[in-house]
N, C-alpha and C. Protein backbone atom coordinates (compact mmCIF):
# COMPACT_ATOMS: atom_id res chain seq x y z
N MET A 1 4.74 271.91 132.31
CA MET A 1 5.52 272.87 131.53
C MET A 1 6.56 273.51 132.45
N LYS A 2 7.76 273.62 131.94
CA LYS A 2 8.85 274.26 132.68
C LYS A 2 9.16 275.59 132.02
N LYS A 3 9.44 276.61 132.83
CA LYS A 3 9.81 277.91 132.28
C LYS A 3 11.33 277.97 132.16
N ALA A 4 11.80 278.56 131.06
CA ALA A 4 13.24 278.65 130.82
C ALA A 4 13.56 279.94 130.09
N PHE A 5 14.85 280.25 130.06
CA PHE A 5 15.36 281.37 129.28
C PHE A 5 16.36 280.82 128.28
N VAL A 6 16.22 281.29 127.03
CA VAL A 6 17.11 280.87 125.95
C VAL A 6 17.79 282.11 125.39
N ALA A 7 19.12 282.08 125.30
CA ALA A 7 19.87 283.16 124.66
C ALA A 7 20.02 282.82 123.18
N LEU A 8 19.85 283.84 122.34
CA LEU A 8 20.00 283.69 120.90
C LEU A 8 21.09 284.63 120.43
N GLY A 9 21.96 284.16 119.55
CA GLY A 9 23.00 285.01 119.01
C GLY A 9 23.46 284.54 117.64
N ALA A 10 23.96 285.49 116.85
CA ALA A 10 24.50 285.17 115.53
C ALA A 10 25.37 286.33 115.08
N ASN A 11 26.43 286.00 114.32
CA ASN A 11 27.25 287.08 113.75
C ASN A 11 27.74 286.78 112.34
N LEU A 12 27.21 285.76 111.71
CA LEU A 12 27.54 285.46 110.31
C LEU A 12 26.26 285.52 109.48
N GLY A 13 26.40 285.82 108.21
CA GLY A 13 25.23 285.92 107.34
C GLY A 13 24.39 287.12 107.73
N ASN A 14 23.08 286.93 107.81
CA ASN A 14 22.17 287.98 108.25
C ASN A 14 21.68 287.62 109.65
N PRO A 15 22.37 288.12 110.70
CA PRO A 15 22.02 287.72 112.06
C PRO A 15 20.58 288.04 112.47
N VAL A 16 20.05 289.17 112.04
CA VAL A 16 18.68 289.53 112.41
C VAL A 16 17.70 288.51 111.84
N GLU A 17 17.86 288.22 110.57
CA GLU A 17 17.00 287.23 109.92
C GLU A 17 17.15 285.87 110.61
N MET A 18 18.36 285.51 110.97
CA MET A 18 18.61 284.21 111.61
C MET A 18 17.91 284.12 112.96
N LEU A 19 17.95 285.19 113.75
CA LEU A 19 17.28 285.15 115.05
C LEU A 19 15.77 285.04 114.89
N HIS A 20 15.21 285.76 113.93
CA HIS A 20 13.77 285.62 113.67
C HIS A 20 13.44 284.19 113.26
N ALA A 21 14.26 283.60 112.39
CA ALA A 21 14.02 282.23 111.93
C ALA A 21 14.11 281.25 113.10
N ALA A 22 15.09 281.44 113.98
CA ALA A 22 15.25 280.55 115.13
C ALA A 22 14.04 280.66 116.06
N LEU A 23 13.53 281.86 116.26
CA LEU A 23 12.33 282.03 117.08
C LEU A 23 11.14 281.30 116.45
N ASP A 24 11.00 281.41 115.14
CA ASP A 24 9.93 280.68 114.45
C ASP A 24 10.12 279.17 114.62
N ASP A 25 11.36 278.70 114.52
CA ASP A 25 11.65 277.28 114.70
C ASP A 25 11.30 276.82 116.11
N MET A 26 11.61 277.64 117.11
CA MET A 26 11.27 277.27 118.49
C MET A 26 9.76 277.21 118.67
N ARG A 27 9.05 278.16 118.09
CA ARG A 27 7.58 278.17 118.19
C ARG A 27 6.96 276.92 117.55
N ALA A 28 7.64 276.37 116.56
CA ALA A 28 7.12 275.20 115.85
C ALA A 28 7.38 273.89 116.60
N LEU A 29 8.20 273.93 117.65
CA LEU A 29 8.50 272.71 118.40
C LEU A 29 7.28 272.30 119.22
N PRO A 30 6.92 271.02 119.18
CA PRO A 30 5.80 270.55 120.00
C PRO A 30 6.10 270.77 121.49
N GLY A 31 5.13 271.29 122.21
CA GLY A 31 5.28 271.48 123.64
C GLY A 31 6.10 272.69 124.04
N VAL A 32 6.44 273.56 123.09
CA VAL A 32 7.22 274.76 123.39
C VAL A 32 6.37 275.99 123.10
N GLU A 33 6.39 276.94 124.03
CA GLU A 33 5.73 278.22 123.82
C GLU A 33 6.73 279.33 124.09
N VAL A 34 6.90 280.22 123.13
CA VAL A 34 7.75 281.40 123.32
C VAL A 34 6.87 282.46 123.95
N LEU A 35 7.20 282.86 125.17
CA LEU A 35 6.38 283.80 125.92
C LEU A 35 6.73 285.25 125.63
N ARG A 36 8.01 285.56 125.72
CA ARG A 36 8.48 286.94 125.50
C ARG A 36 9.84 286.89 124.82
N VAL A 37 10.11 287.93 124.04
CA VAL A 37 11.40 288.06 123.37
C VAL A 37 11.91 289.46 123.66
N SER A 38 13.17 289.54 124.04
CA SER A 38 13.79 290.84 124.30
C SER A 38 13.96 291.63 123.01
N ARG A 39 14.37 292.87 123.17
CA ARG A 39 14.84 293.61 122.01
C ARG A 39 16.05 292.89 121.46
N PHE A 40 16.39 293.19 120.22
CA PHE A 40 17.63 292.69 119.62
C PHE A 40 18.73 293.71 119.92
N TYR A 41 19.92 293.19 120.22
CA TYR A 41 21.06 294.03 120.56
C TYR A 41 22.24 293.72 119.66
N ARG A 42 22.99 294.74 119.31
CA ARG A 42 24.28 294.57 118.64
C ARG A 42 25.32 294.52 119.75
N THR A 43 26.16 293.48 119.71
CA THR A 43 27.14 293.30 120.78
C THR A 43 28.51 292.97 120.19
N SER A 44 29.53 293.34 120.94
CA SER A 44 30.89 293.01 120.53
C SER A 44 31.17 291.55 120.87
N PRO A 45 32.03 290.89 120.08
CA PRO A 45 32.42 289.52 120.42
C PRO A 45 33.15 289.49 121.76
N VAL A 46 32.94 288.44 122.53
CA VAL A 46 33.62 288.26 123.81
C VAL A 46 34.57 287.08 123.67
N ASP A 47 35.80 287.29 124.03
CA ASP A 47 36.83 286.23 123.97
C ASP A 47 37.01 285.67 122.56
N SER A 48 36.77 286.49 121.55
CA SER A 48 36.97 286.05 120.17
C SER A 48 37.04 287.28 119.28
N SER A 49 37.26 287.02 118.00
CA SER A 49 37.26 288.11 117.03
C SER A 49 36.12 287.87 116.05
N GLY A 50 36.00 288.75 115.09
CA GLY A 50 34.95 288.59 114.09
C GLY A 50 33.97 289.74 114.15
N PRO A 51 32.94 289.65 113.32
CA PRO A 51 31.94 290.73 113.28
C PRO A 51 31.13 290.79 114.57
N ASP A 52 30.48 291.93 114.79
CA ASP A 52 29.59 292.07 115.93
C ASP A 52 28.47 291.03 115.84
N TYR A 53 27.93 290.71 116.99
CA TYR A 53 26.80 289.78 117.09
C TYR A 53 25.49 290.55 117.16
N VAL A 54 24.42 289.85 116.88
CA VAL A 54 23.08 290.28 117.26
C VAL A 54 22.61 289.26 118.28
N ASN A 55 22.15 289.75 119.44
CA ASN A 55 21.75 288.88 120.54
C ASN A 55 20.36 289.24 121.04
N ALA A 56 19.71 288.25 121.64
CA ALA A 56 18.41 288.42 122.28
C ALA A 56 18.25 287.31 123.31
N VAL A 57 17.23 287.44 124.14
CA VAL A 57 16.85 286.37 125.07
C VAL A 57 15.34 286.17 124.95
N ALA A 58 14.94 284.91 124.97
CA ALA A 58 13.51 284.56 124.95
C ALA A 58 13.16 283.82 126.24
N SER A 59 12.01 284.15 126.80
CA SER A 59 11.47 283.32 127.88
C SER A 59 10.50 282.35 127.21
N VAL A 60 10.59 281.10 127.61
CA VAL A 60 9.80 280.04 126.98
C VAL A 60 9.27 279.10 128.05
N THR A 61 8.29 278.31 127.67
CA THR A 61 7.92 277.14 128.46
C THR A 61 8.09 275.93 127.54
N PHE A 62 8.40 274.79 128.16
CA PHE A 62 8.57 273.56 127.37
C PHE A 62 8.16 272.37 128.20
N GLU A 63 7.83 271.30 127.50
CA GLU A 63 7.53 270.02 128.14
C GLU A 63 8.75 269.12 128.01
N GLY A 64 8.92 268.22 128.95
CA GLY A 64 10.03 267.28 128.88
C GLY A 64 11.20 267.72 129.74
N THR A 65 12.35 267.12 129.46
CA THR A 65 13.54 267.39 130.26
C THR A 65 14.35 268.54 129.66
N PRO A 66 15.15 269.20 130.48
CA PRO A 66 16.05 270.23 129.93
C PRO A 66 17.00 269.66 128.88
N GLU A 67 17.47 268.43 129.08
CA GLU A 67 18.38 267.82 128.11
C GLU A 67 17.70 267.63 126.76
N ALA A 68 16.45 267.17 126.77
CA ALA A 68 15.72 266.98 125.51
C ALA A 68 15.48 268.33 124.83
N PHE A 69 15.17 269.36 125.61
CA PHE A 69 14.96 270.69 125.03
C PHE A 69 16.26 271.22 124.44
N LEU A 70 17.38 271.02 125.13
CA LEU A 70 18.67 271.46 124.59
C LEU A 70 18.98 270.72 123.29
N HIS A 71 18.68 269.43 123.22
CA HIS A 71 18.86 268.68 121.95
C HIS A 71 18.06 269.34 120.83
N GLU A 72 16.83 269.75 121.12
CA GLU A 72 15.99 270.41 120.11
C GLU A 72 16.61 271.74 119.68
N LEU A 73 17.15 272.50 120.63
CA LEU A 73 17.80 273.77 120.29
C LEU A 73 19.03 273.53 119.42
N GLN A 74 19.81 272.51 119.75
CA GLN A 74 20.99 272.20 118.94
C GLN A 74 20.59 271.72 117.54
N ALA A 75 19.47 271.02 117.43
CA ALA A 75 18.99 270.60 116.11
C ALA A 75 18.61 271.82 115.27
N ILE A 76 18.02 272.84 115.90
CA ILE A 76 17.71 274.08 115.18
C ILE A 76 19.00 274.73 114.69
N GLU A 77 20.01 274.79 115.56
CA GLU A 77 21.31 275.36 115.16
C GLU A 77 21.86 274.64 113.94
N GLU A 78 21.84 273.31 113.97
CA GLU A 78 22.38 272.53 112.85
C GLU A 78 21.59 272.77 111.57
N ARG A 79 20.26 272.77 111.67
CA ARG A 79 19.44 273.02 110.47
C ARG A 79 19.71 274.40 109.90
N ARG A 80 20.09 275.34 110.73
CA ARG A 80 20.36 276.71 110.30
C ARG A 80 21.83 276.94 109.95
N GLY A 81 22.60 275.84 109.83
CA GLY A 81 23.97 275.95 109.33
C GLY A 81 25.06 276.12 110.36
N ARG A 82 24.78 275.88 111.62
CA ARG A 82 25.80 276.02 112.66
C ARG A 82 26.85 274.94 112.48
N VAL A 83 28.11 275.36 112.47
CA VAL A 83 29.24 274.44 112.40
C VAL A 83 30.04 274.63 113.68
N ARG A 84 30.44 273.54 114.30
CA ARG A 84 31.23 273.59 115.53
C ARG A 84 32.62 273.04 115.24
N PRO A 85 33.57 273.92 114.87
CA PRO A 85 34.92 273.44 114.58
C PRO A 85 35.55 272.80 115.82
N ALA A 86 36.16 271.64 115.64
CA ALA A 86 36.77 270.93 116.76
C ALA A 86 37.85 271.78 117.41
N GLY A 87 37.80 271.87 118.73
CA GLY A 87 38.82 272.58 119.48
C GLY A 87 38.76 274.09 119.41
N VAL A 88 37.76 274.64 118.75
CA VAL A 88 37.65 276.10 118.63
C VAL A 88 36.43 276.56 119.42
N HIS A 89 36.69 277.37 120.45
CA HIS A 89 35.60 277.92 121.26
C HIS A 89 35.34 279.36 120.84
N ASN A 90 34.11 279.77 120.95
CA ASN A 90 33.72 281.16 120.65
C ASN A 90 34.01 281.58 119.22
N ALA A 91 33.94 280.65 118.29
CA ALA A 91 34.14 280.99 116.87
C ALA A 91 32.91 281.74 116.36
N PRO A 92 33.08 282.57 115.33
CA PRO A 92 31.90 283.20 114.71
C PRO A 92 30.89 282.12 114.32
N ARG A 93 29.61 282.48 114.34
CA ARG A 93 28.59 281.46 114.09
C ARG A 93 27.35 282.02 113.42
N THR A 94 26.70 281.14 112.66
CA THR A 94 25.44 281.52 112.03
C THR A 94 24.33 281.60 113.05
N LEU A 95 24.40 280.75 114.09
CA LEU A 95 23.37 280.75 115.13
C LEU A 95 23.90 280.08 116.38
N ASP A 96 23.58 280.66 117.52
CA ASP A 96 23.93 280.08 118.81
C ASP A 96 22.70 280.17 119.70
N LEU A 97 22.24 279.04 120.19
CA LEU A 97 21.10 278.98 121.11
C LEU A 97 21.58 278.34 122.40
N ASP A 98 21.54 279.09 123.48
CA ASP A 98 22.00 278.59 124.78
C ASP A 98 20.84 278.52 125.76
N LEU A 99 20.69 277.38 126.40
CA LEU A 99 19.72 277.22 127.47
C LEU A 99 20.35 277.82 128.73
N LEU A 100 19.82 278.94 129.18
CA LEU A 100 20.43 279.68 130.28
C LEU A 100 20.01 279.17 131.64
N GLU A 101 18.71 278.95 131.80
CA GLU A 101 18.17 278.60 133.11
C GLU A 101 16.83 277.91 132.91
N VAL A 102 16.56 276.94 133.77
CA VAL A 102 15.27 276.26 133.76
C VAL A 102 14.72 276.29 135.18
N GLU A 103 13.75 277.15 135.43
CA GLU A 103 13.05 277.24 136.72
C GLU A 103 13.97 277.03 137.91
N GLY A 104 15.11 277.64 137.92
CA GLY A 104 16.00 277.55 139.07
C GLY A 104 16.69 276.21 139.25
N GLU A 105 16.58 275.31 138.28
CA GLU A 105 17.26 274.01 138.40
C GLU A 105 18.77 274.20 138.39
N VAL A 106 19.45 273.41 139.19
CA VAL A 106 20.91 273.43 139.22
C VAL A 106 21.39 272.03 138.89
N ARG A 107 22.24 271.93 137.87
CA ARG A 107 22.81 270.63 137.50
C ARG A 107 24.08 270.85 136.69
N SER A 108 24.94 269.87 136.72
CA SER A 108 26.16 269.93 135.94
C SER A 108 26.48 268.53 135.43
N THR A 109 26.32 268.36 134.12
CA THR A 109 26.65 267.09 133.49
C THR A 109 27.60 267.39 132.33
N ALA A 110 28.07 266.36 131.68
CA ALA A 110 28.94 266.56 130.52
C ALA A 110 28.20 267.27 129.40
N PHE A 111 26.87 267.15 129.37
CA PHE A 111 26.07 267.73 128.28
C PHE A 111 25.46 269.08 128.63
N LEU A 112 25.11 269.29 129.90
CA LEU A 112 24.34 270.48 130.26
C LEU A 112 24.70 270.96 131.66
N THR A 113 24.94 272.26 131.77
CA THR A 113 25.14 272.90 133.07
C THR A 113 24.08 273.98 133.23
N LEU A 114 23.33 273.89 134.32
CA LEU A 114 22.30 274.89 134.64
C LEU A 114 22.52 275.43 136.04
N PRO A 115 22.40 276.74 136.22
CA PRO A 115 22.28 277.72 135.15
C PRO A 115 23.56 277.77 134.32
N HIS A 116 23.45 278.41 133.14
CA HIS A 116 24.60 278.51 132.24
C HIS A 116 25.77 279.11 133.03
N PRO A 117 26.95 278.49 132.96
CA PRO A 117 28.05 278.90 133.85
C PRO A 117 28.60 280.31 133.64
N ARG A 118 28.41 280.91 132.47
CA ARG A 118 28.96 282.25 132.24
C ARG A 118 27.89 283.32 132.03
N MET A 119 26.64 282.98 132.28
CA MET A 119 25.57 283.94 131.97
C MET A 119 25.67 285.22 132.79
N THR A 120 26.20 285.15 133.99
CA THR A 120 26.29 286.35 134.84
C THR A 120 27.51 287.21 134.51
N GLU A 121 28.31 286.77 133.54
CA GLU A 121 29.52 287.52 133.15
C GLU A 121 29.38 288.17 131.78
N ARG A 122 28.24 288.06 131.15
CA ARG A 122 28.08 288.48 129.76
C ARG A 122 26.95 289.50 129.62
N LEU A 123 27.31 290.69 129.15
CA LEU A 123 26.28 291.71 128.91
C LEU A 123 25.30 291.26 127.85
N PHE A 124 25.78 290.50 126.85
CA PHE A 124 24.88 290.07 125.77
C PHE A 124 23.81 289.10 126.25
N VAL A 125 23.96 288.58 127.46
CA VAL A 125 22.92 287.76 128.09
C VAL A 125 22.13 288.59 129.10
N LEU A 126 22.84 289.29 129.97
CA LEU A 126 22.18 289.99 131.08
C LEU A 126 21.25 291.11 130.64
N VAL A 127 21.66 291.91 129.67
CA VAL A 127 20.83 293.04 129.25
C VAL A 127 19.52 292.56 128.62
N PRO A 128 19.56 291.64 127.63
CA PRO A 128 18.28 291.16 127.10
C PRO A 128 17.47 290.35 128.12
N LEU A 129 18.15 289.64 129.02
CA LEU A 129 17.44 288.90 130.06
C LEU A 129 16.64 289.87 130.93
N ARG A 130 17.22 291.01 131.24
CA ARG A 130 16.51 292.02 132.04
C ARG A 130 15.26 292.51 131.29
N ASP A 131 15.31 292.55 129.95
CA ASP A 131 14.13 292.95 129.17
C ASP A 131 12.95 292.01 129.42
N VAL A 132 13.21 290.71 129.42
CA VAL A 132 12.11 289.74 129.53
C VAL A 132 11.80 289.35 130.96
N ALA A 133 12.74 289.57 131.88
CA ALA A 133 12.54 289.20 133.28
C ALA A 133 13.20 290.24 134.19
N PRO A 134 12.58 291.42 134.32
CA PRO A 134 13.21 292.51 135.07
C PRO A 134 13.52 292.16 136.53
N ASP A 135 12.79 291.22 137.10
CA ASP A 135 13.01 290.85 138.50
C ASP A 135 13.89 289.61 138.66
N TRP A 136 14.48 289.13 137.56
CA TRP A 136 15.31 287.92 137.62
C TRP A 136 16.46 288.11 138.60
N ARG A 137 16.77 287.05 139.31
CA ARG A 137 17.92 287.04 140.23
C ARG A 137 18.80 285.84 139.94
N ALA A 138 20.10 286.06 140.05
CA ALA A 138 21.07 284.97 139.92
C ALA A 138 20.95 284.06 141.14
N PRO A 139 21.51 282.87 141.08
CA PRO A 139 21.44 281.97 142.24
C PRO A 139 21.98 282.59 143.53
N ASN A 140 22.92 283.54 143.41
CA ASN A 140 23.45 284.19 144.62
C ASN A 140 22.56 285.34 145.11
N GLY A 141 21.44 285.58 144.42
CA GLY A 141 20.50 286.62 144.83
C GLY A 141 20.66 287.96 144.15
N GLU A 142 21.74 288.14 143.39
CA GLU A 142 21.95 289.43 142.72
C GLU A 142 20.96 289.60 141.57
N ARG A 143 20.47 290.82 141.41
CA ARG A 143 19.57 291.15 140.31
C ARG A 143 20.37 291.36 139.03
N ALA A 144 19.68 291.21 137.90
CA ALA A 144 20.33 291.42 136.60
C ALA A 144 20.95 292.81 136.53
N ALA A 145 20.24 293.84 137.00
CA ALA A 145 20.76 295.21 136.94
C ALA A 145 22.07 295.35 137.71
N GLU A 146 22.17 294.70 138.85
CA GLU A 146 23.41 294.75 139.65
C GLU A 146 24.55 294.05 138.91
N LEU A 147 24.25 292.91 138.32
CA LEU A 147 25.27 292.17 137.58
C LEU A 147 25.73 292.94 136.35
N ILE A 148 24.80 293.61 135.68
CA ILE A 148 25.15 294.41 134.50
C ILE A 148 26.16 295.49 134.89
N GLU A 149 25.90 296.18 135.97
CA GLU A 149 26.82 297.23 136.42
C GLU A 149 28.17 296.65 136.81
N ALA A 150 28.17 295.49 137.46
CA ALA A 150 29.43 294.85 137.86
C ALA A 150 30.25 294.45 136.63
N VAL A 151 29.59 293.91 135.61
CA VAL A 151 30.30 293.51 134.38
C VAL A 151 30.85 294.75 133.68
N ARG A 152 30.06 295.80 133.62
CA ARG A 152 30.53 297.04 132.97
C ARG A 152 31.76 297.60 133.68
N ARG A 153 31.79 297.52 134.99
CA ARG A 153 32.97 298.01 135.74
C ARG A 153 34.19 297.11 135.52
N ALA A 154 33.96 295.81 135.42
CA ALA A 154 35.05 294.84 135.35
C ALA A 154 35.60 294.64 133.94
N ASP A 155 34.77 294.87 132.91
CA ASP A 155 35.18 294.54 131.54
C ASP A 155 34.65 295.58 130.57
N ALA A 156 35.44 296.61 130.33
CA ALA A 156 35.02 297.70 129.44
C ALA A 156 35.02 297.28 127.97
N THR A 157 35.53 296.08 127.66
CA THR A 157 35.56 295.65 126.26
C THR A 157 34.20 295.15 125.77
N GLN A 158 33.31 294.79 126.70
CA GLN A 158 31.99 294.30 126.30
C GLN A 158 31.10 295.49 125.93
N LYS A 159 30.69 295.53 124.69
CA LYS A 159 29.83 296.61 124.19
C LYS A 159 28.47 296.04 123.81
N ILE A 160 27.43 296.82 124.08
CA ILE A 160 26.08 296.39 123.73
C ILE A 160 25.23 297.62 123.46
N GLU A 161 24.44 297.55 122.38
CA GLU A 161 23.52 298.64 122.07
C GLU A 161 22.28 298.06 121.41
N PRO A 162 21.11 298.59 121.75
CA PRO A 162 19.89 298.07 121.12
C PRO A 162 19.87 298.40 119.64
N LEU A 163 19.39 297.46 118.85
CA LEU A 163 19.19 297.74 117.43
C LEU A 163 17.97 298.64 117.30
N GLU A 164 18.01 299.50 116.33
CA GLU A 164 16.83 300.31 116.04
C GLU A 164 15.70 299.38 115.64
N ALA A 165 14.48 299.78 115.90
CA ALA A 165 13.32 298.92 115.60
C ALA A 165 13.32 298.50 114.13
N THR A 166 13.71 299.39 113.24
CA THR A 166 13.71 299.03 111.82
C THR A 166 14.78 297.99 111.52
N GLU A 167 15.92 298.08 112.19
CA GLU A 167 16.98 297.08 111.98
C GLU A 167 16.53 295.71 112.49
N ALA A 168 15.87 295.69 113.64
CA ALA A 168 15.49 294.42 114.26
C ALA A 168 14.33 293.75 113.54
N SER A 169 13.56 294.50 112.77
CA SER A 169 12.41 293.89 112.11
C SER A 169 12.52 293.88 110.59
N GLU A 170 13.63 294.38 110.05
CA GLU A 170 13.71 294.51 108.60
C GLU A 170 13.68 293.19 107.86
N ALA A 171 14.21 292.13 108.46
CA ALA A 171 14.29 290.87 107.74
C ALA A 171 12.97 290.11 107.75
N VAL A 172 12.32 290.07 108.91
CA VAL A 172 11.07 289.34 109.05
C VAL A 172 10.16 290.19 109.93
N ASP A 173 8.95 290.42 109.49
CA ASP A 173 8.00 291.21 110.26
C ASP A 173 7.11 290.24 111.01
N SER A 174 7.20 290.22 112.34
CA SER A 174 6.43 289.29 113.14
C SER A 174 5.11 289.91 113.56
N ASP A 175 4.03 289.17 113.38
CA ASP A 175 2.72 289.60 113.86
C ASP A 175 2.36 288.89 115.16
N ASP A 176 3.29 288.12 115.70
CA ASP A 176 3.02 287.37 116.91
C ASP A 176 2.99 288.33 118.10
N PRO A 177 1.86 288.47 118.79
CA PRO A 177 1.77 289.42 119.90
C PRO A 177 2.66 289.05 121.08
N ARG A 178 3.14 287.80 121.12
CA ARG A 178 4.03 287.41 122.21
C ARG A 178 5.42 287.97 122.01
N ASP A 179 5.75 288.40 120.81
CA ASP A 179 7.05 289.01 120.53
C ASP A 179 7.00 290.45 120.98
N GLU A 180 7.47 290.72 122.16
CA GLU A 180 7.45 292.08 122.69
C GLU A 180 8.80 292.71 122.47
N ARG A 181 9.07 293.11 121.24
CA ARG A 181 10.35 293.71 120.91
C ARG A 181 10.25 295.19 121.02
């Protein structure tokens, strides 16, 4: 089993419900265990327009290769209505699942780059990542808390706030004790 971090985000439809559904879909995958889930956060779009996002990060374990796991995550996105318009990056979306890191593996292929190349520049990744892995360090040794402060100083346009507990659980009430929201 390999440990990994998955970022979840959505800003179309009912994002809270979509993130809960995606977590349920990940739990249903053979060989995948969702260990911890961050709080849900409302975040401003980065490098795009549209409604605010709801974001979270999950720590998981999985069997197999990172590429096979990413294929499974993309299949969940497609089943949940994700459309990838040709030539359009950062478009609003029903669901976005990003494989952020796999046990410190470093690789860059046409299909997968690990760690995720922009994860240290995005509050919507770093803040929830700190929830599930407070001692996490970037490949350069910086802690999530240090990177969060650096991003806040460098880019005041990135906004993030935790959803109230009622907002984060209103769509689906999880009884799974591994969901530490």
